[in-house]
Amino acid sequence: MSPRGPRLGDIYIATFPEHDPRGHEQEGLRPAVVLAVPAKARFPVLLVAPLTTDRGQPWVLAAPELYLRLPQGSGGLPVDSIVLLDQARSIDAARVRWLLGTLEKKTFATILSRWLAMFA
């Protein structure tokens, strides 16, 4: 984790736990964007949305409000990626491995507004 601590819009490499029984949840080592850092949580957790590689998947075009595309270089991403807002979740801060970078404010604002719209 970064010495300054996680901030909104940061992209970290994080470890997502395996699930049993298996479903469609993201697992393993992958980038994730920080959506929230709960200050009063009883344990150090982060609310994050995992990312996956953008390979032109048709489901991205079918629901662009859930799957925001980020080009290579955004927030330090090594490849074109997709934010999986439908997979947003809380993870223990200890699962965060290293900081890739931080998204531009405008890009993060779009991600956050789309995430919050899911609950409206």
PDB file of N, CA and C in Angstrom:
ATOM      1  N   MET A   1       0.846  -1.169   0.000  1.00  0.00           N
ATOM      2  CA  MET A   1       0.000   0.000   0.000  1.00  0.00           C
ATOM      3  C   MET A   1       0.894   1.235   0.000  1.00  0.00           C
ATOM      4  N   SER A   2       0.378   2.324  -0.530  1.00  0.00           N
ATOM      5  CA  SER A   2       1.133   3.579  -0.583  1.00  0.00           C
ATOM      6  C   SER A   2       1.353   4.120   0.825  1.00  0.00           C
ATOM      7  N   PRO A   3       2.539   4.717   1.093  1.00  0.00           N
ATOM      8  CA  PRO A   3       2.799   5.277   2.421  1.00  0.00           C
ATOM      9  C   PRO A   3       1.806   6.378   2.800  1.00  0.00           C
ATOM     10  N   ARG A   4       1.239   7.056   1.811  1.00  0.00           N
ATOM     11  CA  ARG A   4       0.277   8.129   2.101  1.00  0.00           C
ATOM     12  C   ARG A   4      -1.103   7.584   2.427  1.00  0.00           C
ATOM     13  N   GLY A   5      -1.309   6.290   2.187  1.00  0.00           N
ATOM     14  CA  GLY A   5      -2.618   5.690   2.432  1.00  0.00           C
ATOM     15  C   GLY A   5      -3.503   5.819   1.212  1.00  0.00           C
ATOM     16  N   PRO A   6      -4.506   4.958   1.105  1.00  0.00           N
ATOM     17  CA  PRO A   6      -5.386   4.965  -0.068  1.00  0.00           C
ATOM     18  C   PRO A   6      -6.266   6.202  -0.120  1.00  0.00           C
ATOM     19  N   ARG A   7      -6.486   6.664  -1.338  1.00  0.00           N
ATOM     20  CA  ARG A   7      -7.350   7.818  -1.582  1.00  0.00           C
ATOM     21  C   ARG A   7      -8.331   7.481  -2.691  1.00  0.00           C
ATOM     22  N   LEU A   8      -9.426   8.235  -2.725  1.00  0.00           N
ATOM     23  CA  LEU A   8     -10.428   8.030  -3.761  1.00  0.00           C
ATOM     24  C   LEU A   8      -9.791   8.186  -5.133  1.00  0.00           C
ATOM     25  N   GLY A   9     -10.114   7.268  -6.029  1.00  0.00           N
ATOM     26  CA  GLY A   9      -9.597   7.317  -7.386  1.00  0.00           C
ATOM     27  C   GLY A   9      -8.256   6.637  -7.576  1.00  0.00           C
ATOM     28  N   ASP A  10      -7.635   6.178  -6.489  1.00  0.00           N
ATOM     29  CA  ASP A  10      -6.391   5.425  -6.615  1.00  0.00           C
ATOM     30  C   ASP A  10      -6.677   4.077  -7.261  1.00  0.00           C
ATOM     31  N   ILE A  11      -5.729   3.606  -8.046  1.00  0.00           N
ATOM     32  CA  ILE A  11      -5.816   2.249  -8.582  1.00  0.00           C
ATOM     33  C   ILE A  11      -4.691   1.441  -7.963  1.00  0.00           C
ATOM     34  N   TYR A  12      -5.084   0.393  -7.272  1.00  0.00           N
ATOM     35  CA  TYR A  12      -4.151  -0.508  -6.615  1.00  0.00           C
ATOM     36  C   TYR A  12      -4.231  -1.886  -7.243  1.00  0.00           C
ATOM     37  N   ILE A  13      -3.168  -2.629  -7.126  1.00  0.00           N
ATOM     38  CA  ILE A  13      -3.233  -4.063  -7.370  1.00  0.00           C
ATOM     39  C   ILE A  13      -3.649  -4.667  -6.030  1.00  0.00           C
ATOM     40  N   ALA A  14      -4.708  -5.461  -6.062  1.00  0.00           N
ATOM     41  CA  ALA A  14      -5.247  -6.053  -4.838  1.00  0.00           C
ATOM     42  C   ALA A  14      -5.517  -7.536  -5.073  1.00  0.00           C
ATOM     43  N   THR A  15      -5.556  -8.269  -3.990  1.00  0.00           N
ATOM     44  CA  THR A  15      -5.877  -9.694  -4.049  1.00  0.00           C
ATOM     45  C   THR A  15      -7.331  -9.881  -3.642  1.00  0.00           C
ATOM     46  N   PHE A  16      -8.119 -10.422  -4.555  1.00  0.00           N
ATOM     47  CA  PHE A  16      -9.515 -10.735  -4.262  1.00  0.00           C
ATOM     48  C   PHE A  16      -9.599 -12.219  -3.904  1.00  0.00           C
ATOM     49  N   PRO A  17     -10.279 -12.536  -2.796  1.00  0.00           N
ATOM     50  CA  PRO A  17     -10.308 -13.930  -2.335  1.00  0.00           C
ATOM     51  C   PRO A  17     -11.096 -14.841  -3.265  1.00  0.00           C
ATOM     52  N   GLU A  18     -10.750 -16.128  -3.199  1.00  0.00           N
ATOM     53  CA  GLU A  18     -11.501 -17.138  -3.936  1.00  0.00           C
ATOM     54  C   GLU A  18     -12.840 -17.365  -3.247  1.00  0.00           C
ATOM     55  N   HIS A  19     -13.825 -17.780  -4.016  1.00  0.00           N
ATOM     56  CA  HIS A  19     -15.165 -18.020  -3.489  1.00  0.00           C
ATOM     57  C   HIS A  19     -15.514 -19.494  -3.640  1.00  0.00           C
ATOM     58  N   ASP A  20     -16.176 -20.004  -2.636  1.00  0.00           N
ATOM     59  CA  ASP A  20     -16.612 -21.385  -2.672  1.00  0.00           C
ATOM     60  C   ASP A  20     -18.021 -21.444  -2.114  1.00  0.00           C
ATOM     61  N   PRO A  21     -19.019 -21.790  -2.896  1.00  0.00           N
ATOM     62  CA  PRO A  21     -18.898 -22.245  -4.272  1.00  0.00           C
ATOM     63  C   PRO A  21     -18.585 -21.079  -5.216  1.00  0.00           C
ATOM     64  N   ARG A  22     -18.005 -21.417  -6.353  1.00  0.00           N
ATOM     65  CA  ARG A  22     -17.623 -20.416  -7.347  1.00  0.00           C
ATOM     66  C   ARG A  22     -18.862 -19.790  -7.976  1.00  0.00           C
ATOM     67  N   GLY A  23     -18.738 -18.506  -8.245  1.00  0.00           N
ATOM     68  CA  GLY A  23     -19.773 -17.773  -8.962  1.00  0.00           C
ATOM     69  C   GLY A  23     -19.097 -16.928 -10.026  1.00  0.00           C
ATOM     70  N   HIS A  24     -19.600 -15.728 -10.202  1.00  0.00           N
ATOM     71  CA  HIS A  24     -19.038 -14.830 -11.212  1.00  0.00           C
ATOM     72  C   HIS A  24     -18.216 -13.705 -10.590  1.00  0.00           C
ATOM     73  N   GLU A  25     -17.965 -13.778  -9.275  1.00  0.00           N
ATOM     74  CA  GLU A  25     -17.186 -12.737  -8.610  1.00  0.00           C
ATOM     75  C   GLU A  25     -15.732 -12.774  -9.071  1.00  0.00           C
ATOM     76  N   GLN A  26     -15.118 -11.599  -9.114  1.00  0.00           N
ATOM     77  CA  GLN A  26     -13.714 -11.501  -9.474  1.00  0.00           C
ATOM     78  C   GLN A  26     -12.847 -12.097  -8.367  1.00  0.00           C
ATOM     79  N   GLU A  27     -11.795 -12.782  -8.767  1.00  0.00           N
ATOM     80  CA  GLU A  27     -10.886 -13.424  -7.821  1.00  0.00           C
ATOM     81  C   GLU A  27      -9.449 -13.160  -8.254  1.00  0.00           C
ATOM     82  N   GLY A  28      -8.536 -13.359  -7.315  1.00  0.00           N
ATOM     83  CA  GLY A  28      -7.123 -13.286  -7.635  1.00  0.00           C
ATOM     84  C   GLY A  28      -6.549 -11.880  -7.627  1.00  0.00           C
ATOM     85  N   LEU A  29      -5.335 -11.763  -8.121  1.00  0.00           N
ATOM     86  CA  LEU A  29      -4.596 -10.509  -8.152  1.00  0.00           C
ATOM     87  C   LEU A  29      -5.035  -9.700  -9.366  1.00  0.00           C
ATOM     88  N   ARG A  30      -5.535  -8.480  -9.118  1.00  0.00           N
ATOM     89  CA  ARG A  30      -6.020  -7.639 -10.212  1.00  0.00           C
ATOM     90  C   ARG A  30      -6.090  -6.187  -9.766  1.00  0.00           C
ATOM     91  N   PRO A  31      -6.136  -5.256 -10.719  1.00  0.00           N
ATOM     92  CA  PRO A  31      -6.279  -3.855 -10.334  1.00  0.00           C
ATOM     93  C   PRO A  31      -7.689  -3.561  -9.845  1.00  0.00           C
ATOM     94  N   ALA A  32      -7.784  -2.564  -8.983  1.00  0.00           N
ATOM     95  CA  ALA A  32      -9.074  -2.119  -8.450  1.00  0.00           C
ATOM     96  C   ALA A  32      -8.991  -0.621  -8.188  1.00  0.00           C
ATOM     97  N   VAL A  33     -10.096   0.067  -8.432  1.00  0.00           N
ATOM     98  CA  VAL A  33     -10.159   1.498  -8.157  1.00  0.00           C
ATOM     99  C   VAL A  33     -10.851   1.716  -6.809  1.00  0.00           C
ATOM    100  N   VAL A  34     -10.294   2.591  -5.991  1.00  0.00           N
ATOM    101  CA  VAL A  34     -10.853   2.885  -4.668  1.00  0.00           C
ATOM    102  C   VAL A  34     -12.054   3.810  -4.837  1.00  0.00           C
ATOM    103  N   LEU A  35     -13.231   3.349  -4.396  1.00  0.00           N
ATOM    104  CA  LEU A  35     -14.465   4.131  -4.445  1.00  0.00           C
ATOM    105  C   LEU A  35     -14.722   4.870  -3.137  1.00  0.00           C
ATOM    106  N   ALA A  36     -14.283   4.294  -2.021  1.00  0.00           N
ATOM    107  CA  ALA A  36     -14.507   4.910  -0.710  1.00  0.00           C
ATOM    108  C   ALA A  36     -13.520   4.327   0.298  1.00  0.00           C
ATOM    109  N   VAL A  37     -13.194   5.156   1.287  1.00  0.00           N
ATOM    110  CA  VAL A  37     -12.330   4.742   2.391  1.00  0.00           C
ATOM    111  C   VAL A  37     -13.112   5.025   3.672  1.00  0.00           C
ATOM    112  N   PRO A  38     -13.887   4.047   4.169  1.00  0.00           N
ATOM    113  CA  PRO A  38     -14.707   4.281   5.361  1.00  0.00           C
ATOM    114  C   PRO A  38     -13.837   4.636   6.568  1.00  0.00           C
ATOM    115  N   ALA A  39     -14.071   5.817   7.114  1.00  0.00           N
ATOM    116  CA  ALA A  39     -13.244   6.313   8.224  1.00  0.00           C
ATOM    117  C   ALA A  39     -13.589   5.647   9.557  1.00  0.00           C
ATOM    118  N   LYS A  40     -14.829   5.245   9.749  1.00  0.00           N
ATOM    119  CA  LYS A  40     -15.246   4.727  11.054  1.00  0.00           C
ATOM    120  C   LYS A  40     -15.568   3.241  11.040  1.00  0.00           C
ATOM    121  N   ALA A  41     -15.081   2.543  10.023  1.00  0.00           N
ATOM    122  CA  ALA A  41     -15.310   1.100   9.975  1.00  0.00           C
ATOM    123  C   ALA A  41     -14.539   0.438  11.114  1.00  0.00           C
ATOM    124  N   ARG A  42     -15.073  -0.647  11.638  1.00  0.00           N
ATOM    125  CA  ARG A  42     -14.423  -1.300  12.774  1.00  0.00           C
ATOM    126  C   ARG A  42     -13.117  -1.977  12.386  1.00  0.00           C
ATOM    127  N   PHE A  43     -12.935  -2.276  11.100  1.00  0.00           N
ATOM    128  CA  PHE A  43     -11.684  -2.828  10.583  1.00  0.00           C
ATOM    129  C   PHE A  43     -11.262  -1.975   9.390  1.00  0.00           C
ATOM    130  N   PRO A  44      -9.961  -1.938   9.064  1.00  0.00           N
ATOM    131  CA  PRO A  44      -9.529  -1.144   7.907  1.00  0.00           C
ATOM    132  C   PRO A  44      -9.956  -1.808   6.593  1.00  0.00           C
ATOM    133  N   VAL A  45     -10.972  -1.246   5.965  1.00  0.00           N
ATOM    134  CA  VAL A  45     -11.482  -1.765   4.703  1.00  0.00           C
ATOM    135  C   VAL A  45     -11.521  -0.653   3.663  1.00  0.00           C
ATOM    136  N   LEU A  46     -11.580  -1.076   2.422  1.00  0.00           N
ATOM    137  CA  LEU A  46     -11.744  -0.157   1.299  1.00  0.00           C
ATOM    138  C   LEU A  46     -12.916  -0.638   0.464  1.00  0.00           C
ATOM    139  N   LEU A  47     -13.683   0.288  -0.077  1.00  0.00           N
ATOM    140  CA  LEU A  47     -14.710  -0.063  -1.050  1.00  0.00           C
ATOM    141  C   LEU A  47     -14.065   0.130  -2.419  1.00  0.00           C
ATOM    142  N   VAL A  48     -14.025  -0.935  -3.190  1.00  0.00           N
ATOM    143  CA  VAL A  48     -13.319  -0.902  -4.472  1.00  0.00           C
ATOM    144  C   VAL A  48     -14.177  -1.514  -5.574  1.00  0.00           C
ATOM    145  N   ALA A  49     -13.829  -1.159  -6.799  1.00  0.00           N
ATOM    146  CA  ALA A  49     -14.398  -1.817  -7.971  1.00  0.00           C
ATOM    147  C   ALA A  49     -13.242  -2.469  -8.717  1.00  0.00           C
ATOM    148  N   PRO A  50     -13.295  -3.784  -8.918  1.00  0.00           N
ATOM    149  CA  PRO A  50     -12.218  -4.458  -9.640  1.00  0.00           C
ATOM    150  C   PRO A  50     -12.231  -4.071 -11.117  1.00  0.00           C
ATOM    151  N   LEU A  51     -11.095  -4.265 -11.752  1.00  0.00           N
ATOM    152  CA  LEU A  51     -10.953  -4.005 -13.178  1.00  0.00           C
ATOM    153  C   LEU A  51     -10.604  -5.302 -13.886  1.00  0.00           C
ATOM    154  N   THR A  52     -10.909  -5.348 -15.175  1.00  0.00           N
ATOM    155  CA  THR A  52     -10.524  -6.463 -16.012  1.00  0.00           C
ATOM    156  C   THR A  52      -9.997  -5.907 -17.321  1.00  0.00           C
ATOM    157  N   THR A  53      -9.287  -6.714 -18.056  1.00  0.00           N
ATOM    158  CA  THR A  53      -8.726  -6.291 -19.328  1.00  0.00           C
ATOM    159  C   THR A  53      -9.837  -6.074 -20.352  1.00  0.00           C
ATOM    160  N   ASP A  54      -9.730  -4.981 -21.111  1.00  0.00           N
ATOM    161  CA  ASP A  54     -10.694  -4.669 -22.167  1.00  0.00           C
ATOM    162  C   ASP A  54     -10.277  -5.411 -23.439  1.00  0.00           C
ATOM    163  N   ARG A  55     -11.059  -6.409 -23.785  1.00  0.00           N
ATOM    164  CA  ARG A  55     -10.809  -7.187 -25.000  1.00  0.00           C
ATOM    165  C   ARG A  55     -12.004  -7.098 -25.956  1.00  0.00           C
ATOM    166  N   GLY A  56     -12.729  -5.991 -25.868  1.00  0.00           N
ATOM    167  CA  GLY A  56     -13.881  -5.814 -26.749  1.00  0.00           C
ATOM    168  C   GLY A  56     -15.059  -6.700 -26.413  1.00  0.00           C
ATOM    169  N   GLN A  57     -15.231  -7.027 -25.134  1.00  0.00           N
ATOM    170  CA  GLN A  57     -16.324  -7.906 -24.722  1.00  0.00           C
ATOM    171  C   GLN A  57     -17.675  -7.263 -25.061  1.00  0.00           C
ATOM    172  N   PRO A  58     -18.608  -8.029 -25.633  1.00  0.00           N
ATOM    173  CA  PRO A  58     -19.902  -7.466 -26.034  1.00  0.00           C
ATOM    174  C   PRO A  58     -20.735  -6.954 -24.865  1.00  0.00           C
ATOM    175  N   TRP A  59     -20.579  -7.515 -23.679  1.00  0.00           N
ATOM    176  CA  TRP A  59     -21.364  -7.085 -22.522  1.00  0.00           C
ATOM    177  C   TRP A  59     -20.999  -5.668 -22.096  1.00  0.00           C
ATOM    178  N   VAL A  60     -19.827  -5.205 -22.468  1.00  0.00           N
ATOM    179  CA  VAL A  60     -19.436  -3.821 -22.152  1.00  0.00           C
ATOM    180  C   VAL A  60     -20.293  -2.853 -22.966  1.00  0.00           C
ATOM    181  N   LEU A  61     -20.468  -3.139 -24.247  1.00  0.00           N
ATOM    182  CA  LEU A  61     -21.297  -2.288 -25.108  1.00  0.00           C
ATOM    183  C   LEU A  61     -22.765  -2.348 -24.709  1.00  0.00           C
ATOM    184  N   ALA A  62     -23.207  -3.491 -24.187  1.00  0.00           N
ATOM    185  CA  ALA A  62     -24.610  -3.672 -23.803  1.00  0.00           C
ATOM    186  C   ALA A  62     -24.971  -2.885 -22.538  1.00  0.00           C
ATOM    187  N   ALA A  63     -23.999  -2.579 -21.685  1.00  0.00           N
ATOM    188  CA  ALA A  63     -24.284  -1.869 -20.425  1.00  0.00           C
ATOM    189  C   ALA A  63     -23.130  -0.909 -20.083  1.00  0.00           C
ATOM    190  N   PRO A  64     -22.933   0.132 -20.894  1.00  0.00           N
ATOM    191  CA  PRO A  64     -21.807   1.044 -20.656  1.00  0.00           C
ATOM    192  C   PRO A  64     -21.906   1.804 -19.338  1.00  0.00           C
ATOM    193  N   GLU A  65     -23.100   1.886 -18.769  1.00  0.00           N
ATOM    194  CA  GLU A  65     -23.244   2.560 -17.476  1.00  0.00           C
ATOM    195  C   GLU A  65     -22.630   1.744 -16.339  1.00  0.00           C
ATOM    196  N   LEU A  66     -22.488   0.433 -16.537  1.00  0.00           N
ATOM    197  CA  LEU A  66     -21.885  -0.441 -15.528  1.00  0.00           C
ATOM    198  C   LEU A  66     -20.411  -0.714 -15.786  1.00  0.00           C
ATOM    199  N   TYR A  67     -19.994  -0.586 -17.032  1.00  0.00           N
ATOM    200  CA  TYR A  67     -18.654  -1.001 -17.431  1.00  0.00           C
ATOM    201  C   TYR A  67     -17.934   0.147 -18.143  1.00  0.00           C
ATOM    202  N   LEU A  68     -17.270   0.961 -17.375  1.00  0.00           N
ATOM    203  CA  LEU A  68     -16.563   2.117 -17.913  1.00  0.00           C
ATOM    204  C   LEU A  68     -15.190   1.698 -18.415  1.00  0.00           C
ATOM    205  N   ARG A  69     -14.890   2.079 -19.624  1.00  0.00           N
ATOM    206  CA  ARG A  69     -13.591   1.764 -20.219  1.00  0.00           C
ATOM    207  C   ARG A  69     -12.542   2.782 -19.777  1.00  0.00           C
ATOM    208  N   LEU A  70     -11.364   2.278 -19.434  1.00  0.00           N
ATOM    209  CA  LEU A  70     -10.222   3.124 -19.096  1.00  0.00           C
ATOM    210  C   LEU A  70      -9.073   2.764 -20.038  1.00  0.00           C
ATOM    211  N   PRO A  71      -8.537   3.744 -20.759  1.00  0.00           N
ATOM    212  CA  PRO A  71      -7.435   3.434 -21.665  1.00  0.00           C
ATOM    213  C   PRO A  71      -6.133   3.162 -20.919  1.00  0.00           C
ATOM    214  N   GLN A  72      -5.263   2.416 -21.565  1.00  0.00           N
ATOM    215  CA  GLN A  72      -3.927   2.158 -21.032  1.00  0.00           C
ATOM    216  C   GLN A  72      -3.306   3.484 -20.599  1.00  0.00           C
ATOM    217  N   GLY A  73      -2.672   3.474 -19.431  1.00  0.00           N
ATOM    218  CA  GLY A  73      -2.046   4.688 -18.902  1.00  0.00           C
ATOM    219  C   GLY A  73      -2.904   5.416 -17.887  1.00  0.00           C
ATOM    220  N   SER A  74      -4.221   5.280 -17.964  1.00  0.00           N
ATOM    221  CA  SER A  74      -5.096   5.913 -16.973  1.00  0.00           C
ATOM    222  C   SER A  74      -4.783   5.353 -15.603  1.00  0.00           C
ATOM    223  N   GLY A  75      -4.441   6.204 -14.667  1.00  0.00           N
ATOM    224  CA  GLY A  75      -4.145   5.744 -13.314  1.00  0.00           C
ATOM    225  C   GLY A  75      -3.027   4.722 -13.255  1.00  0.00           C
ATOM    226  N   GLY A  76      -2.134   4.739 -14.239  1.00  0.00           N
ATOM    227  CA  GLY A  76      -1.014   3.808 -14.252  1.00  0.00           C
ATOM    228  C   GLY A  76      -1.332   2.428 -14.806  1.00  0.00           C
ATOM    229  N   LEU A  77      -2.501   2.258 -15.415  1.00  0.00           N
ATOM    230  CA  LEU A  77      -2.883   0.943 -15.944  1.00  0.00           C
ATOM    231  C   LEU A  77      -1.980   0.535 -17.105  1.00  0.00           C
ATOM    232  N   PRO A  78      -1.485  -0.699 -17.086  1.00  0.00           N
ATOM    233  CA  PRO A  78      -0.596  -1.146 -18.154  1.00  0.00           C
ATOM    234  C   PRO A  78      -1.321  -1.539 -19.447  1.00  0.00           C
ATOM    235  N   VAL A  79      -2.641  -1.778 -19.366  1.00  0.00           N
ATOM    236  CA  VAL A  79      -3.433  -2.174 -20.541  1.00  0.00           C
ATOM    237  C   VAL A  79      -4.797  -1.497 -20.476  1.00  0.00           C
ATOM    238  N   ASP A  80      -5.483  -1.438 -21.627  1.00  0.00           N
ATOM    239  CA  ASP A  80      -6.864  -0.963 -21.642  1.00  0.00           C
ATOM    240  C   ASP A  80      -7.676  -1.835 -20.690  1.00  0.00           C
ATOM    241  N   SER A  81      -8.519  -1.191 -19.877  1.00  0.00           N
ATOM    242  CA  SER A  81      -9.231  -1.924 -18.829  1.00  0.00           C
ATOM    243  C   SER A  81     -10.683  -1.494 -18.742  1.00  0.00           C
ATOM    244  N   ILE A  82     -11.452  -2.289 -17.996  1.00  0.00           N
ATOM    245  CA  ILE A  82     -12.871  -2.010 -17.763  1.00  0.00           C
ATOM    246  C   ILE A  82     -13.117  -2.024 -16.261  1.00  0.00           C
ATOM    247  N   VAL A  83     -13.789  -0.975 -15.766  1.00  0.00           N
ATOM    248  CA  VAL A  83     -14.197  -0.920 -14.365  1.00  0.00           C
ATOM    249  C   VAL A  83     -15.479  -1.738 -14.234  1.00  0.00           C
ATOM    250  N   LEU A  84     -15.479  -2.694 -13.329  1.00  0.00           N
ATOM    251  CA  LEU A  84     -16.630  -3.580 -13.128  1.00  0.00           C
ATOM    252  C   LEU A  84     -17.467  -3.067 -11.955  1.00  0.00           C
ATOM    253  N   LEU A  85     -18.304  -2.064 -12.217  1.00  0.00           N
ATOM    254  CA  LEU A  85     -19.091  -1.470 -11.137  1.00  0.00           C
ATOM    255  C   LEU A  85     -20.063  -2.464 -10.516  1.00  0.00           C
ATOM    256  N   ASP A  86     -20.517  -3.446 -11.292  1.00  0.00           N
ATOM    257  CA  ASP A  86     -21.425  -4.454 -10.736  1.00  0.00           C
ATOM    258  C   ASP A  86     -20.703  -5.440  -9.816  1.00  0.00           C
ATOM    259  N   GLN A  87     -19.382  -5.318  -9.703  1.00  0.00           N
ATOM    260  CA  GLN A  87     -18.600  -6.188  -8.827  1.00  0.00           C
ATOM    261  C   GLN A  87     -18.005  -5.405  -7.646  1.00  0.00           C
ATOM    262  N   ALA A  88     -18.419  -4.145  -7.464  1.00  0.00           N
ATOM    263  CA  ALA A  88     -17.882  -3.326  -6.372  1.00  0.00           C
ATOM    264  C   ALA A  88     -18.112  -4.019  -5.038  1.00  0.00           C
ATOM    265  N   ARG A  89     -17.096  -3.930  -4.167  1.00  0.00           N
ATOM    266  CA  ARG A  89     -17.194  -4.621  -2.886  1.00  0.00           C
ATOM    267  C   ARG A  89     -16.214  -4.048  -1.880  1.00  0.00           C
ATOM    268  N   SER A  90     -16.364  -4.484  -0.681  1.00  0.00           N
ATOM    269  CA  SER A  90     -15.472  -4.103   0.411  1.00  0.00           C
ATOM    270  C   SER A  90     -14.389  -5.159   0.532  1.00  0.00           C
ATOM    271  N   ILE A  91     -13.130  -4.709   0.650  1.00  0.00           N
ATOM    272  CA  ILE A  91     -12.034  -5.648   0.895  1.00  0.00           C
ATOM    273  C   ILE A  91     -11.201  -5.136   2.061  1.00  0.00           C
ATOM    274  N   ASP A  92     -10.571  -6.045   2.768  1.00  0.00           N
ATOM    275  CA  ASP A  92      -9.663  -5.683   3.845  1.00  0.00           C
ATOM    276  C   ASP A  92      -8.495  -4.907   3.250  1.00  0.00           C
ATOM    277  N   ALA A  93      -8.083  -3.828   3.901  1.00  0.00           N
ATOM    278  CA  ALA A  93      -6.980  -3.001   3.403  1.00  0.00           C
ATOM    279  C   ALA A  93      -5.691  -3.807   3.258  1.00  0.00           C
ATOM    280  N   ALA A  94      -5.558  -4.897   4.005  1.00  0.00           N
ATOM    281  CA  ALA A  94      -4.364  -5.740   3.905  1.00  0.00           C
ATOM    282  C   ALA A  94      -4.280  -6.461   2.557  1.00  0.00           C
ATOM    283  N   ARG A  95      -5.373  -6.508   1.807  1.00  0.00           N
ATOM    284  CA  ARG A  95      -5.370  -7.166   0.496  1.00  0.00           C
ATOM    285  C   ARG A  95      -4.757  -6.284  -0.589  1.00  0.00           C
ATOM    286  N   VAL A  96      -4.530  -5.016  -0.279  1.00  0.00           N
ATOM    287  CA  VAL A  96      -3.941  -4.086  -1.238  1.00  0.00           C
ATOM    288  C   VAL A  96      -2.439  -4.324  -1.294  1.00  0.00           C
ATOM    289  N   ARG A  97      -1.906  -4.487  -2.504  1.00  0.00           N
ATOM    290  CA  ARG A  97      -0.483  -4.796  -2.667  1.00  0.00           C
ATOM    291  C   ARG A  97       0.343  -3.563  -3.023  1.00  0.00           C
ATOM    292  N   TRP A  98       0.059  -2.924  -4.144  1.00  0.00           N
ATOM    293  CA  TRP A  98       0.834  -1.740  -4.513  1.00  0.00           C
ATOM    294  C   TRP A  98      -0.010  -0.794  -5.356  1.00  0.00           C
ATOM    295  N   LEU A  99       0.371   0.475  -5.317  1.00  0.00           N
ATOM    296  CA  LEU A  99      -0.319   1.550  -6.025  1.00  0.00           C
ATOM    297  C   LEU A  99       0.181   1.625  -7.459  1.00  0.00           C
ATOM    298  N   LEU A 100      -0.751   1.609  -8.409  1.00  0.00           N
ATOM    299  CA  LEU A 100      -0.396   1.836  -9.811  1.00  0.00           C
ATOM    300  C   LEU A 100      -0.385   3.330 -10.116  1.00  0.00           C
ATOM    301  N   GLY A 101      -1.408   4.030  -9.603  1.00  0.00           N
ATOM    302  CA  GLY A 101      -1.533   5.462  -9.869  1.00  0.00           C
ATOM    303  C   GLY A 101      -2.894   5.958  -9.435  1.00  0.00           C
ATOM    304  N   THR A 102      -3.204   7.170  -9.845  1.00  0.00           N
ATOM    305  CA  THR A 102      -4.472   7.805  -9.476  1.00  0.00           C
ATOM    306  C   THR A 102      -5.159   8.306 -10.735  1.00  0.00           C
ATOM    307  N   LEU A 103      -6.463   8.081 -10.811  1.00  0.00           N
ATOM    308  CA  LEU A 103      -7.241   8.556 -11.959  1.00  0.00           C
ATOM    309  C   LEU A 103      -7.394  10.067 -11.920  1.00  0.00           C
ATOM    310  N   GLU A 104      -7.570  10.662 -13.084  1.00  0.00           N
ATOM    311  CA  GLU A 104      -7.885  12.092 -13.158  1.00  0.00           C
ATOM    312  C   GLU A 104      -9.230  12.314 -12.468  1.00  0.00           C
ATOM    313  N   LYS A 105      -9.403  13.484 -11.869  1.00  0.00           N
ATOM    314  CA  LYS A 105     -10.624  13.778 -11.110  1.00  0.00           C
ATOM    315  C   LYS A 105     -11.882  13.610 -11.949  1.00  0.00           C
ATOM    316  N   LYS A 106     -11.845  14.058 -13.197  1.00  0.00           N
ATOM    317  CA  LYS A 106     -13.024  13.960 -14.058  1.00  0.00           C
ATOM    318  C   LYS A 106     -13.384  12.496 -14.323  1.00  0.00           C
ATOM    319  N   THR A 107     -12.380  11.666 -14.569  1.00  0.00           N
ATOM    320  CA  THR A 107     -12.623  10.239 -14.807  1.00  0.00           C
ATOM    321  C   THR A 107     -13.197   9.580 -13.565  1.00  0.00           C
ATOM    322  N   PHE A 108     -12.605   9.872 -12.398  1.00  0.00           N
ATOM    323  CA  PHE A 108     -13.116   9.272 -11.169  1.00  0.00           C
ATOM    324  C   PHE A 108     -14.536   9.759 -10.877  1.00  0.00           C
ATOM    325  N   ALA A 109     -14.829  11.033 -11.133  1.00  0.00           N
ATOM    326  CA  ALA A 109     -16.179  11.561 -10.899  1.00  0.00           C
ATOM    327  C   ALA A 109     -17.209  10.802 -11.736  1.00  0.00           C
ATOM    328  N   THR A 110     -16.850  10.455 -12.962  1.00  0.00           N
ATOM    329  CA  THR A 110     -17.756   9.677 -13.815  1.00  0.00           C
ATOM    330  C   THR A 110     -17.985   8.289 -13.219  1.00  0.00           C
ATOM    331  N   ILE A 111     -16.907   7.642 -12.782  1.00  0.00           N
ATOM    332  CA  ILE A 111     -17.025   6.317 -12.163  1.00  0.00           C
ATOM    333  C   ILE A 111     -17.917   6.388 -10.933  1.00  0.00           C
ATOM    334  N   LEU A 112     -17.662   7.349 -10.059  1.00  0.00           N
ATOM    335  CA  LEU A 112     -18.420   7.475  -8.819  1.00  0.00           C
ATOM    336  C   LEU A 112     -19.895   7.760  -9.095  1.00  0.00           C
ATOM    337  N   SER A 113     -20.185   8.635 -10.037  1.00  0.00           N
ATOM    338  CA  SER A 113     -21.592   8.952 -10.327  1.00  0.00           C
ATOM    339  C   SER A 113     -22.318   7.741 -10.915  1.00  0.00           C
ATOM    340  N   ARG A 114     -21.648   6.968 -11.745  1.00  0.00           N
ATOM    341  CA  ARG A 114     -22.279   5.755 -12.296  1.00  0.00           C
ATOM    342  C   ARG A 114     -22.493   4.710 -11.201  1.00  0.00           C
ATOM    343  N   TRP A 115     -21.546   4.607 -10.284  1.00  0.00           N
ATOM    344  CA  TRP A 115     -21.700   3.654  -9.180  1.00  0.00           C
ATOM    345  C   TRP A 115     -22.880   4.054  -8.304  1.00  0.00           C
ATOM    346  N   LEU A 116     -22.963   5.334  -7.939  1.00  0.00           N
ATOM    347  CA  LEU A 116     -24.059   5.794  -7.089  1.00  0.00           C
ATOM    348  C   LEU A 116     -25.404   5.683  -7.781  1.00  0.00           C
ATOM    349  N   ALA A 117     -25.430   5.836  -9.107  1.00  0.00           N
ATOM    350  CA  ALA A 117     -26.689   5.720  -9.853  1.00  0.00           C
ATOM    351  C   ALA A 117     -27.271   4.317  -9.772  1.00  0.00           C
ATOM    352  N   MET A 118     -26.443   3.337  -9.483  1.00  0.00           N
ATOM    353  CA  MET A 118     -26.934   1.962  -9.349  1.00  0.00           C
ATOM    354  C   MET A 118     -27.910   1.834  -8.177  1.00  0.00           C
ATOM    355  N   PHE A 119     -27.839   2.749  -7.208  1.00  0.00           N
ATOM    356  CA  PHE A 119     -28.645   2.658  -6.002  1.00  0.00           C
ATOM    357  C   PHE A 119     -29.838   3.609  -6.004  1.00  0.00           C
ATOM    358  N   ALA A 120     -29.993   4.351  -7.091  1.00  0.00           N
ATOM    359  CA  ALA A 120     -31.086   5.335  -7.173  1.00  0.00           C
ATOM    360  C   ALA A 120     -32.392   4.697  -7.602  1.00  0.00           C
TER     361      ALA A 120
END
